[in-house]
Amino acid sequence: YGLNNYTVRGSAAPATEYMKRDRYDEIQRIPRPSATVHFL
């Protein structure tokens, strides 16, 4: 299993140009947790 890298802490997160708003490394920053893939 692995993580969706949009939802990780550290350098594995997408580069800035891919981010539409902010880094999503805390549950408080996730607009729709029930719709967001985490493990795969």
PDB file of all heavy atoms in Angstrom:
ATOM      1  N   TYR A   1       0.825  -1.202   0.000  1.00  0.00           N
ATOM      2  CA  TYR A   1       0.000   0.000   0.000  1.00  0.00           C
ATOM      3  C   TYR A   1       0.866   1.261   0.000  1.00  0.00           C
ATOM      4  O   TYR A   1       2.028   1.249   0.408  1.00  0.00           O
ATOM      5  CB  TYR A   1      -0.928  -0.019   1.215  1.00  0.00           C
ATOM      6  CG  TYR A   1      -1.724  -1.306   1.308  1.00  0.00           C
ATOM      7  CD1 TYR A   1      -1.419  -2.265   2.262  1.00  0.00           C
ATOM      8  CD2 TYR A   1      -2.740  -1.568   0.393  1.00  0.00           C
ATOM      9  CE1 TYR A   1      -2.130  -3.455   2.324  1.00  0.00           C
ATOM     10  CE2 TYR A   1      -3.449  -2.765   0.450  1.00  0.00           C
ATOM     11  CZ  TYR A   1      -3.138  -3.705   1.413  1.00  0.00           C
ATOM     12  OH  TYR A   1      -3.834  -4.889   1.452  1.00  0.00           O
ATOM     13  N   GLY A   2       0.275   2.344  -0.454  1.00  0.00           N
ATOM     14  CA  GLY A   2       0.989   3.610  -0.488  1.00  0.00           C
ATOM     15  C   GLY A   2       0.040   4.759  -0.219  1.00  0.00           C
ATOM     16  O   GLY A   2      -1.176   4.575  -0.072  1.00  0.00           O
ATOM     17  N   LEU A   3       0.606   5.955  -0.166  1.00  0.00           N
ATOM     18  CA  LEU A   3      -0.181   7.156   0.115  1.00  0.00           C
ATOM     19  C   LEU A   3      -0.373   7.984  -1.150  1.00  0.00           C
ATOM     20  O   LEU A   3       0.506   8.059  -2.009  1.00  0.00           O
ATOM     21  CB  LEU A   3       0.520   8.011   1.162  1.00  0.00           C
ATOM     22  CG  LEU A   3       0.552   7.481   2.592  1.00  0.00           C
ATOM     23  CD1 LEU A   3       1.396   8.409   3.462  1.00  0.00           C
ATOM     24  CD2 LEU A   3      -0.848   7.349   3.164  1.00  0.00           C
ATOM     25  N   ASN A   4      -1.526   8.601  -1.223  1.00  0.00           N
ATOM     26  CA  ASN A   4      -1.756   9.676  -2.177  1.00  0.00           C
ATOM     27  C   ASN A   4      -0.868  10.829  -1.755  1.00  0.00           C
ATOM     28  O   ASN A   4      -1.014  11.368  -0.656  1.00  0.00           O
ATOM     29  CB  ASN A   4      -3.235  10.070  -2.123  1.00  0.00           C
ATOM     30  CG  ASN A   4      -3.531  11.402  -2.782  1.00  0.00           C
ATOM     31  OD1 ASN A   4      -2.767  11.890  -3.615  1.00  0.00           O
ATOM     32  ND2 ASN A   4      -4.653  11.987  -2.399  1.00  0.00           N
ATOM     33  N   ASN A   5       0.075  11.235  -2.588  1.00  0.00           N
ATOM     34  CA  ASN A   5       1.077  12.200  -2.143  1.00  0.00           C
ATOM     35  C   ASN A   5       0.528  13.610  -1.933  1.00  0.00           C
ATOM     36  O   ASN A   5       1.229  14.472  -1.400  1.00  0.00           O
ATOM     37  CB  ASN A   5       2.266  12.242  -3.105  1.00  0.00           C
ATOM     38  CG  ASN A   5       1.923  12.864  -4.443  1.00  0.00           C
ATOM     39  OD1 ASN A   5       0.917  12.508  -5.060  1.00  0.00           O
ATOM     40  ND2 ASN A   5       2.755  13.790  -4.914  1.00  0.00           N
ATOM     41  N   TYR A   6      -0.701  13.879  -2.355  1.00  0.00           N
ATOM     42  CA  TYR A   6      -1.315  15.158  -1.985  1.00  0.00           C
ATOM     43  C   TYR A   6      -1.531  15.243  -0.473  1.00  0.00           C
ATOM     44  O   TYR A   6      -1.689  16.333   0.064  1.00  0.00           O
ATOM     45  CB  TYR A   6      -2.668  15.323  -2.679  1.00  0.00           C
ATOM     46  CG  TYR A   6      -2.609  15.893  -4.076  1.00  0.00           C
ATOM     47  CD1 TYR A   6      -2.652  15.051  -5.178  1.00  0.00           C
ATOM     48  CD2 TYR A   6      -2.541  17.267  -4.300  1.00  0.00           C
ATOM     49  CE1 TYR A   6      -2.628  15.560  -6.477  1.00  0.00           C
ATOM     50  CE2 TYR A   6      -2.506  17.786  -5.586  1.00  0.00           C
ATOM     51  CZ  TYR A   6      -2.548  16.930  -6.676  1.00  0.00           C
ATOM     52  OH  TYR A   6      -2.518  17.437  -7.950  1.00  0.00           O
ATOM     53  N   THR A   7      -1.581  14.085   0.197  1.00  0.00           N
ATOM     54  CA  THR A   7      -1.965  14.043   1.613  1.00  0.00           C
ATOM     55  C   THR A   7      -0.822  13.541   2.492  1.00  0.00           C
ATOM     56  O   THR A   7      -1.032  12.724   3.393  1.00  0.00           O
ATOM     57  CB  THR A   7      -3.195  13.146   1.809  1.00  0.00           C
ATOM     58  OG1 THR A   7      -2.872  11.802   1.392  1.00  0.00           O
ATOM     59  CG2 THR A   7      -4.376  13.651   1.002  1.00  0.00           C
ATOM     60  N   VAL A   8       0.403  14.022   2.229  1.00  0.00           N
ATOM     61  CA  VAL A   8       1.534  13.600   3.050  1.00  0.00           C
ATOM     62  C   VAL A   8       2.288  14.816   3.550  1.00  0.00           C
ATOM     63  O   VAL A   8       2.181  15.921   3.002  1.00  0.00           O
ATOM     64  CB  VAL A   8       2.519  12.699   2.255  1.00  0.00           C
ATOM     65  CG1 VAL A   8       1.824  11.452   1.757  1.00  0.00           C
ATOM     66  CG2 VAL A   8       3.163  13.454   1.093  1.00  0.00           C
ATOM     67  N   ARG A   9       3.078  14.615   4.577  1.00  0.00           N
ATOM     68  CA  ARG A   9       3.994  15.642   5.054  1.00  0.00           C
ATOM     69  C   ARG A   9       5.350  15.418   4.397  1.00  0.00           C
ATOM     70  O   ARG A   9       5.744  14.293   4.118  1.00  0.00           O
ATOM     71  CB  ARG A   9       4.142  15.566   6.572  1.00  0.00           C
ATOM     72  CG  ARG A   9       2.836  15.765   7.312  1.00  0.00           C
ATOM     73  CD  ARG A   9       3.061  15.854   8.804  1.00  0.00           C
ATOM     74  NE  ARG A   9       3.764  17.067   9.182  1.00  0.00           N
ATOM     75  CZ  ARG A   9       3.190  18.269   9.286  1.00  0.00           C
ATOM     76  NH1 ARG A   9       1.899  18.408   9.042  1.00  0.00           N
ATOM     77  NH2 ARG A   9       3.890  19.315   9.640  1.00  0.00           N
ATOM     78  N   GLY A  10       6.077  16.470   4.138  1.00  0.00           N
ATOM     79  CA  GLY A  10       7.430  16.333   3.629  1.00  0.00           C
ATOM     80  C   GLY A  10       7.543  16.517   2.129  1.00  0.00           C
ATOM     81  O   GLY A  10       6.614  16.952   1.446  1.00  0.00           O
ATOM     82  N   SER A  11       8.703  16.128   1.594  1.00  0.00           N
ATOM     83  CA  SER A  11       9.060  16.425   0.212  1.00  0.00           C
ATOM     84  C   SER A  11       8.283  15.624  -0.815  1.00  0.00           C
ATOM     85  O   SER A  11       8.328  15.944  -2.009  1.00  0.00           O
ATOM     86  CB  SER A  11      10.558  16.173   0.006  1.00  0.00           C
ATOM     87  OG  SER A  11      10.880  14.821   0.288  1.00  0.00           O
ATOM     88  N   ALA A  12       7.578  14.574  -0.406  1.00  0.00           N
ATOM     89  CA  ALA A  12       6.813  13.777  -1.369  1.00  0.00           C
ATOM     90  C   ALA A  12       5.554  14.500  -1.849  1.00  0.00           C
ATOM     91  O   ALA A  12       4.953  14.104  -2.845  1.00  0.00           O
ATOM     92  CB  ALA A  12       6.417  12.433  -0.752  1.00  0.00           C
ATOM     93  N   ALA A  13       5.147  15.551  -1.155  1.00  0.00           N
ATOM     94  CA  ALA A  13       3.969  16.303  -1.567  1.00  0.00           C
ATOM     95  C   ALA A  13       4.212  16.971  -2.915  1.00  0.00           C
ATOM     96  O   ALA A  13       5.355  17.231  -3.296  1.00  0.00           O
ATOM     97  CB  ALA A  13       3.628  17.362  -0.523  1.00  0.00           C
ATOM     98  N   PRO A  14       3.145  17.247  -3.673  1.00  0.00           N
ATOM     99  CA  PRO A  14       3.311  17.869  -4.990  1.00  0.00           C
ATOM    100  C   PRO A  14       4.035  19.201  -4.912  1.00  0.00           C
ATOM    101  O   PRO A  14       3.941  19.921  -3.921  1.00  0.00           O
ATOM    102  CB  PRO A  14       1.866  18.062  -5.468  1.00  0.00           C
ATOM    103  CG  PRO A  14       1.075  17.050  -4.716  1.00  0.00           C
ATOM    104  CD  PRO A  14       1.745  16.932  -3.382  1.00  0.00           C
ATOM    105  N   ALA A  15       4.777  19.508  -5.982  1.00  0.00           N
ATOM    106  CA  ALA A  15       5.468  20.790  -6.055  1.00  0.00           C
ATOM    107  C   ALA A  15       4.457  21.932  -6.083  1.00  0.00           C
ATOM    108  O   ALA A  15       3.285  21.745  -6.427  1.00  0.00           O
ATOM    109  CB  ALA A  15       6.350  20.831  -7.301  1.00  0.00           C
ATOM    110  N   THR A  16       4.898  23.122  -5.747  1.00  0.00           N
ATOM    111  CA  THR A  16       4.017  24.275  -5.584  1.00  0.00           C
ATOM    112  C   THR A  16       3.158  24.554  -6.814  1.00  0.00           C
ATOM    113  O   THR A  16       1.978  24.898  -6.697  1.00  0.00           O
ATOM    114  CB  THR A  16       4.853  25.526  -5.255  1.00  0.00           C
ATOM    115  OG1 THR A  16       5.670  25.272  -4.122  1.00  0.00           O
ATOM    116  CG2 THR A  16       3.951  26.709  -4.967  1.00  0.00           C
ATOM    117  N   GLU A  17       3.721  24.381  -8.010  1.00  0.00           N
ATOM    118  CA  GLU A  17       2.955  24.722  -9.207  1.00  0.00           C
ATOM    119  C   GLU A  17       1.741  23.821  -9.414  1.00  0.00           C
ATOM    120  O   GLU A  17       0.839  24.147 -10.172  1.00  0.00           O
ATOM    121  CB  GLU A  17       3.856  24.663 -10.448  1.00  0.00           C
ATOM    122  CG  GLU A  17       4.462  23.308 -10.752  1.00  0.00           C
ATOM    123  CD  GLU A  17       5.861  23.167 -10.169  1.00  0.00           C
ATOM    124  OE1 GLU A  17       6.163  23.857  -9.170  1.00  0.00           O
ATOM    125  OE2 GLU A  17       6.641  22.373 -10.714  1.00  0.00           O
ATOM    126  N   TYR A  18       1.721  22.671  -8.749  1.00  0.00           N
ATOM    127  CA  TYR A  18       0.576  21.771  -8.883  1.00  0.00           C
ATOM    128  C   TYR A  18      -0.513  22.064  -7.849  1.00  0.00           C
ATOM    129  O   TYR A  18      -1.636  21.608  -7.979  1.00  0.00           O
ATOM    130  CB  TYR A  18       1.018  20.317  -8.717  1.00  0.00           C
ATOM    131  CG  TYR A  18       1.781  19.763  -9.887  1.00  0.00           C
ATOM    132  CD1 TYR A  18       3.162  19.620  -9.832  1.00  0.00           C
ATOM    133  CD2 TYR A  18       1.125  19.373 -11.051  1.00  0.00           C
ATOM    134  CE1 TYR A  18       3.869  19.100 -10.913  1.00  0.00           C
ATOM    135  CE2 TYR A  18       1.819  18.847 -12.130  1.00  0.00           C
ATOM    136  CZ  TYR A  18       3.197  18.718 -12.051  1.00  0.00           C
ATOM    137  OH  TYR A  18       3.883  18.203 -13.109  1.00  0.00           O
ATOM    138  N   MET A  19      -0.164  22.780  -6.804  1.00  0.00           N
ATOM    139  CA  MET A  19      -1.102  23.000  -5.716  1.00  0.00           C
ATOM    140  C   MET A  19      -2.037  24.164  -6.055  1.00  0.00           C
ATOM    141  O   MET A  19      -1.596  25.222  -6.498  1.00  0.00           O
ATOM    142  CB  MET A  19      -0.351  23.316  -4.423  1.00  0.00           C
ATOM    143  CG  MET A  19       0.684  22.258  -4.045  1.00  0.00           C
ATOM    144  SD  MET A  19      -0.040  20.619  -3.788  1.00  0.00           S
ATOM    145  CE  MET A  19      -0.832  20.879  -2.214  1.00  0.00           C
ATOM    146  N   LYS A  20      -3.312  23.962  -5.848  1.00  0.00           N
ATOM    147  CA  LYS A  20      -4.287  24.997  -6.176  1.00  0.00           C
ATOM    148  C   LYS A  20      -4.489  26.000  -5.030  1.00  0.00           C
ATOM    149  O   LYS A  20      -4.905  27.109  -5.231  1.00  0.00           O
ATOM    150  CB  LYS A  20      -5.618  24.346  -6.560  1.00  0.00           C
ATOM    151  CG  LYS A  20      -5.523  23.512  -7.841  1.00  0.00           C
ATOM    152  CD  LYS A  20      -6.873  22.910  -8.158  1.00  0.00           C
ATOM    153  CE  LYS A  20      -6.841  22.198  -9.507  1.00  0.00           C
ATOM    154  NZ  LYS A  20      -5.879  21.082  -9.529  1.00  0.00           N
ATOM    155  N   ARG A  21      -4.226  25.535  -3.819  1.00  0.00           N
ATOM    156  CA  ARG A  21      -4.472  26.427  -2.695  1.00  0.00           C
ATOM    157  C   ARG A  21      -3.383  26.328  -1.632  1.00  0.00           C
ATOM    158  O   ARG A  21      -2.726  27.305  -1.307  1.00  0.00           O
ATOM    159  CB  ARG A  21      -5.834  26.109  -2.060  1.00  0.00           C
ATOM    160  CG  ARG A  21      -6.202  27.018  -0.883  1.00  0.00           C
ATOM    161  CD  ARG A  21      -7.632  26.747  -0.424  1.00  0.00           C
ATOM    162  NE  ARG A  21      -7.829  25.378   0.014  1.00  0.00           N
ATOM    163  CZ  ARG A  21      -7.565  24.937   1.244  1.00  0.00           C
ATOM    164  NH1 ARG A  21      -7.078  25.769   2.147  1.00  0.00           N
ATOM    165  NH2 ARG A  21      -7.786  23.692   1.568  1.00  0.00           N
ATOM    166  N   ASP A  22      -3.173  25.162  -1.107  1.00  0.00           N
ATOM    167  CA  ASP A  22      -2.271  25.017   0.031  1.00  0.00           C
ATOM    168  C   ASP A  22      -1.813  23.577   0.106  1.00  0.00           C
ATOM    169  O   ASP A  22      -2.304  22.707  -0.618  1.00  0.00           O
ATOM    170  CB  ASP A  22      -3.010  25.412   1.323  1.00  0.00           C
ATOM    171  CG  ASP A  22      -2.052  25.776   2.445  1.00  0.00           C
ATOM    172  OD1 ASP A  22      -0.825  25.586   2.269  1.00  0.00           O
ATOM    173  OD2 ASP A  22      -2.518  26.241   3.486  1.00  0.00           O
ATOM    174  N   ARG A  23      -0.882  23.280   0.978  1.00  0.00           N
ATOM    175  CA  ARG A  23      -0.505  21.893   1.232  1.00  0.00           C
ATOM    176  C   ARG A  23      -1.556  21.263   2.145  1.00  0.00           C
ATOM    177  O   ARG A  23      -2.039  21.880   3.081  1.00  0.00           O
ATOM    178  CB  ARG A  23       0.887  21.813   1.854  1.00  0.00           C
ATOM    179  CG  ARG A  23       1.971  22.247   0.876  1.00  0.00           C
ATOM    180  CD  ARG A  23       3.348  21.789   1.325  1.00  0.00           C
ATOM    181  NE  ARG A  23       4.356  22.146   0.342  1.00  0.00           N
ATOM    182  CZ  ARG A  23       4.667  21.403  -0.705  1.00  0.00           C
ATOM    183  NH1 ARG A  23       4.047  20.265  -0.900  1.00  0.00           N
ATOM    184  NH2 ARG A  23       5.594  21.790  -1.560  1.00  0.00           N
ATOM    185  N   TYR A  24      -1.850  20.014   1.869  1.00  0.00           N
ATOM    186  CA  TYR A  24      -2.945  19.337   2.589  1.00  0.00           C
ATOM    187  C   TYR A  24      -2.376  18.274   3.522  1.00  0.00           C
ATOM    188  O   TYR A  24      -2.658  17.085   3.388  1.00  0.00           O
ATOM    189  CB  TYR A  24      -3.896  18.705   1.578  1.00  0.00           C
ATOM    190  CG  TYR A  24      -4.445  19.698   0.580  1.00  0.00           C
ATOM    191  CD1 TYR A  24      -3.888  19.812  -0.684  1.00  0.00           C
ATOM    192  CD2 TYR A  24      -5.497  20.547   0.923  1.00  0.00           C
ATOM    193  CE1 TYR A  24      -4.382  20.729  -1.602  1.00  0.00           C
ATOM    194  CE2 TYR A  24      -5.994  21.466   0.013  1.00  0.00           C
ATOM    195  CZ  TYR A  24      -5.426  21.553  -1.244  1.00  0.00           C
ATOM    196  OH  TYR A  24      -5.912  22.469  -2.141  1.00  0.00           O
ATOM    197  N   ASP A  25      -1.558  18.688   4.488  1.00  0.00           N
ATOM    198  CA  ASP A  25      -0.883  17.740   5.360  1.00  0.00           C
ATOM    199  C   ASP A  25      -1.490  17.667   6.759  1.00  0.00           C
ATOM    200  O   ASP A  25      -0.912  17.091   7.670  1.00  0.00           O
ATOM    201  CB  ASP A  25       0.611  18.068   5.455  1.00  0.00           C
ATOM    202  CG  ASP A  25       0.877  19.516   5.875  1.00  0.00           C
ATOM    203  OD1 ASP A  25      -0.101  20.251   6.157  1.00  0.00           O
ATOM    204  OD2 ASP A  25       2.057  19.906   5.907  1.00  0.00           O
ATOM    205  N   GLU A  26      -2.673  18.269   6.917  1.00  0.00           N
ATOM    206  CA  GLU A  26      -3.406  18.182   8.181  1.00  0.00           C
ATOM    207  C   GLU A  26      -4.881  17.986   7.857  1.00  0.00           C
ATOM    208  O   GLU A  26      -5.389  18.513   6.856  1.00  0.00           O
ATOM    209  CB  GLU A  26      -3.233  19.461   9.009  1.00  0.00           C
ATOM    210  CG  GLU A  26      -1.805  19.753   9.423  1.00  0.00           C
ATOM    211  CD  GLU A  26      -1.696  21.057  10.208  1.00  0.00           C
ATOM    212  OE1 GLU A  26      -2.752  21.672  10.475  1.00  0.00           O
ATOM    213  OE2 GLU A  26      -0.562  21.456  10.532  1.00  0.00           O
ATOM    214  N   ILE A  27      -5.577  17.255   8.706  1.00  0.00           N
ATOM    215  CA  ILE A  27      -6.985  16.951   8.444  1.00  0.00           C
ATOM    216  C   ILE A  27      -7.814  18.226   8.401  1.00  0.00           C
ATOM    217  O   ILE A  27      -8.809  18.321   7.668  1.00  0.00           O
ATOM    218  CB  ILE A  27      -7.546  15.964   9.500  1.00  0.00           C
ATOM    219  CG1 ILE A  27      -8.913  15.429   9.071  1.00  0.00           C
ATOM    220  CG2 ILE A  27      -7.589  16.600  10.879  1.00  0.00           C
ATOM    221  CD1 ILE A  27      -8.896  14.600   7.811  1.00  0.00           C
ATOM    222  N   GLN A  28      -7.398  19.263   9.158  1.00  0.00           N
ATOM    223  CA  GLN A  28      -8.144  20.523   9.184  1.00  0.00           C
ATOM    224  C   GLN A  28      -8.117  21.239   7.823  1.00  0.00           C
ATOM    225  O   GLN A  28      -8.955  22.093   7.556  1.00  0.00           O
ATOM    226  CB  GLN A  28      -7.572  21.457  10.263  1.00  0.00           C
ATOM    227  CG  GLN A  28      -7.706  20.938  11.684  1.00  0.00           C
ATOM    228  CD  GLN A  28      -6.533  20.064  12.105  1.00  0.00           C
ATOM    229  OE1 GLN A  28      -5.779  19.586  11.260  1.00  0.00           O
ATOM    230  NE2 GLN A  28      -6.387  19.844  13.404  1.00  0.00           N
ATOM    231  N   ARG A  29      -7.161  20.885   6.968  1.00  0.00           N
ATOM    232  CA  ARG A  29      -7.022  21.562   5.677  1.00  0.00           C
ATOM    233  C   ARG A  29      -7.743  20.830   4.545  1.00  0.00           C
ATOM    234  O   ARG A  29      -7.703  21.290   3.397  1.00  0.00           O
ATOM    235  CB  ARG A  29      -5.539  21.681   5.322  1.00  0.00           C
ATOM    236  CG  ARG A  29      -4.752  22.555   6.289  1.00  0.00           C
ATOM    237  CD  ARG A  29      -3.305  22.664   5.853  1.00  0.00           C
ATOM    238  NE  ARG A  29      -2.557  23.572   6.720  1.00  0.00           N
ATOM    239  CZ  ARG A  29      -1.274  23.894   6.542  1.00  0.00           C
ATOM    240  NH1 ARG A  29      -0.608  23.365   5.523  1.00  0.00           N
ATOM    241  NH2 ARG A  29      -0.668  24.723   7.358  1.00  0.00           N
ATOM    242  N   ILE A  30      -8.361  19.723   4.845  1.00  0.00           N
ATOM    243  CA  ILE A  30      -9.014  18.922   3.809  1.00  0.00           C
ATOM    244  C   ILE A  30     -10.480  19.343   3.689  1.00  0.00           C
ATOM    245  O   ILE A  30     -11.259  19.184   4.640  1.00  0.00           O
ATOM    246  CB  ILE A  30      -8.932  17.420   4.125  1.00  0.00           C
ATOM    247  CG1 ILE A  30      -7.473  17.002   4.321  1.00  0.00           C
ATOM    248  CG2 ILE A  30      -9.585  16.604   3.023  1.00  0.00           C
ATOM    249  CD1 ILE A  30      -6.602  17.158   3.109  1.00  0.00           C
ATOM    250  N   PRO A  31     -10.898  19.868   2.545  1.00  0.00           N
ATOM    251  CA  PRO A  31     -12.298  20.318   2.400  1.00  0.00           C
ATOM    252  C   PRO A  31     -13.316  19.181   2.524  1.00  0.00           C
ATOM    253  O   PRO A  31     -14.348  19.333   3.160  1.00  0.00           O
ATOM    254  CB  PRO A  31     -12.323  20.927   0.989  1.00  0.00           C
ATOM    255  CG  PRO A  31     -10.904  21.265   0.679  1.00  0.00           C
ATOM    256  CD  PRO A  31     -10.094  20.214   1.358  1.00  0.00           C
ATOM    257  N   ARG A  32     -13.016  18.027   1.905  1.00  0.00           N
ATOM    258  CA  ARG A  32     -13.963  16.913   1.890  1.00  0.00           C
ATOM    259  C   ARG A  32     -13.225  15.596   2.168  1.00  0.00           C
ATOM    260  O   ARG A  32     -12.870  14.851   1.229  1.00  0.00           O
ATOM    261  CB  ARG A  32     -14.671  16.837   0.532  1.00  0.00           C
ATOM    262  CG  ARG A  32     -15.660  17.989   0.301  1.00  0.00           C
ATOM    263  CD  ARG A  32     -16.094  18.070  -1.151  1.00  0.00           C
ATOM    264  NE  ARG A  32     -14.984  18.470  -2.009  1.00  0.00           N
ATOM    265  CZ  ARG A  32     -14.574  19.725  -2.167  1.00  0.00           C
ATOM    266  NH1 ARG A  32     -15.180  20.717  -1.520  1.00  0.00           N
ATOM    267  NH2 ARG A  32     -13.550  20.010  -2.961  1.00  0.00           N
ATOM    268  N   PRO A  33     -12.990  15.274   3.433  1.00  0.00           N
ATOM    269  CA  PRO A  33     -12.257  14.042   3.777  1.00  0.00           C
ATOM    270  C   PRO A  33     -12.898  12.774   3.205  1.00  0.00           C
ATOM    271  O   PRO A  33     -12.195  11.866   2.765  1.00  0.00           O
ATOM    272  CB  PRO A  33     -12.281  14.026   5.310  1.00  0.00           C
ATOM    273  CG  PRO A  33     -12.414  15.468   5.689  1.00  0.00           C
ATOM    274  CD  PRO A  33     -13.298  16.072   4.643  1.00  0.00           C
ATOM    275  N   SER A  34     -14.223  12.716   3.176  1.00  0.00           N
ATOM    276  CA  SER A  34     -14.901  11.503   2.705  1.00  0.00           C
ATOM    277  C   SER A  34     -14.718  11.280   1.211  1.00  0.00           C
ATOM    278  O   SER A  34     -14.918  10.163   0.717  1.00  0.00           O
ATOM    279  CB  SER A  34     -16.398  11.573   3.026  1.00  0.00           C
ATOM    280  OG  SER A  34     -17.008  12.645   2.328  1.00  0.00           O
ATOM    281  N   ALA A  35     -14.319  12.321   0.475  1.00  0.00           N
ATOM    282  CA  ALA A  35     -14.140  12.208  -0.974  1.00  0.00           C
ATOM    283  C   ALA A  35     -12.677  12.103  -1.377  1.00  0.00           C
ATOM    284  O   ALA A  35     -12.379  11.914  -2.555  1.00  0.00           O
ATOM    285  CB  ALA A  35     -14.772  13.408  -1.671  1.00  0.00           C
ATOM    286  N   THR A  36     -11.765  12.208  -0.414  1.00  0.00           N
ATOM    287  CA  THR A  36     -10.339  12.296  -0.721  1.00  0.00           C
ATOM    288  C   THR A  36      -9.629  10.975  -0.493  1.00  0.00           C
ATOM    289  O   THR A  36      -9.615  10.443   0.628  1.00  0.00           O
ATOM    290  CB  THR A  36      -9.672  13.403   0.125  1.00  0.00           C
ATOM    291  OG1 THR A  36     -10.379  14.635  -0.063  1.00  0.00           O
ATOM    292  CG2 THR A  36      -8.229  13.581  -0.265  1.00  0.00           C
ATOM    293  N   VAL A  37      -9.017  10.431  -1.547  1.00  0.00           N
ATOM    294  CA  VAL A  37      -8.238   9.194  -1.445  1.00  0.00           C
ATOM    295  C   VAL A  37      -7.020   9.423  -0.570  1.00  0.00           C
ATOM    296  O   VAL A  37      -6.340  10.452  -0.673  1.00  0.00           O
ATOM    297  CB  VAL A  37      -7.793   8.715  -2.845  1.00  0.00           C
ATOM    298  CG1 VAL A  37      -6.733   7.619  -2.733  1.00  0.00           C
ATOM    299  CG2 VAL A  37      -8.985   8.211  -3.639  1.00  0.00           C
ATOM    300  N   HIS A  38      -6.732   8.442   0.277  1.00  0.00           N
ATOM    301  CA  HIS A  38      -5.581   8.524   1.164  1.00  0.00           C
ATOM    302  C   HIS A  38      -4.631   7.353   0.894  1.00  0.00           C
ATOM    303  O   HIS A  38      -3.591   7.511   0.284  1.00  0.00           O
ATOM    304  CB  HIS A  38      -6.058   8.535   2.620  1.00  0.00           C
ATOM    305  CG  HIS A  38      -4.968   8.761   3.606  1.00  0.00           C
ATOM    306  ND1 HIS A  38      -4.888   8.072   4.794  1.00  0.00           N
ATOM    307  CD2 HIS A  38      -3.883   9.593   3.583  1.00  0.00           C
ATOM    308  CE1 HIS A  38      -3.822   8.475   5.465  1.00  0.00           C
ATOM    309  NE2 HIS A  38      -3.192   9.386   4.756  1.00  0.00           N
ATOM    310  N   PHE A  39      -5.027   6.145   1.300  1.00  0.00           N
ATOM    311  CA  PHE A  39      -4.240   4.949   0.982  1.00  0.00           C
ATOM    312  C   PHE A  39      -4.700   4.349  -0.352  1.00  0.00           C
ATOM    313  O   PHE A  39      -5.868   4.447  -0.732  1.00  0.00           O
ATOM    314  CB  PHE A  39      -4.378   3.897   2.080  1.00  0.00           C
ATOM    315  CG  PHE A  39      -3.471   4.138   3.260  1.00  0.00           C
ATOM    316  CD1 PHE A  39      -3.967   4.692   4.434  1.00  0.00           C
ATOM    317  CD2 PHE A  39      -2.121   3.830   3.193  1.00  0.00           C
ATOM    318  CE1 PHE A  39      -3.140   4.921   5.520  1.00  0.00           C
ATOM    319  CE2 PHE A  39      -1.275   4.053   4.269  1.00  0.00           C
ATOM    320  CZ  PHE A  39      -1.783   4.605   5.439  1.00  0.00           C
ATOM    321  N   LEU A  40      -3.757   3.731  -1.039  1.00  0.00           N
ATOM    322  CA  LEU A  40      -4.027   3.075  -2.324  1.00  0.00           C
ATOM    323  C   LEU A  40      -3.082   1.882  -2.446  1.00  0.00           C
ATOM    324  O   LEU A  40      -2.364   1.548  -1.491  1.00  0.00           O
ATOM    325  CB  LEU A  40      -3.823   4.071  -3.469  1.00  0.00           C
ATOM    326  CG  LEU A  40      -2.577   4.974  -3.386  1.00  0.00           C
ATOM    327  CD1 LEU A  40      -1.331   4.269  -3.892  1.00  0.00           C
ATOM    328  CD2 LEU A  40      -2.800   6.271  -4.140  1.00  0.00           C
TER     329      LEU A  40
END
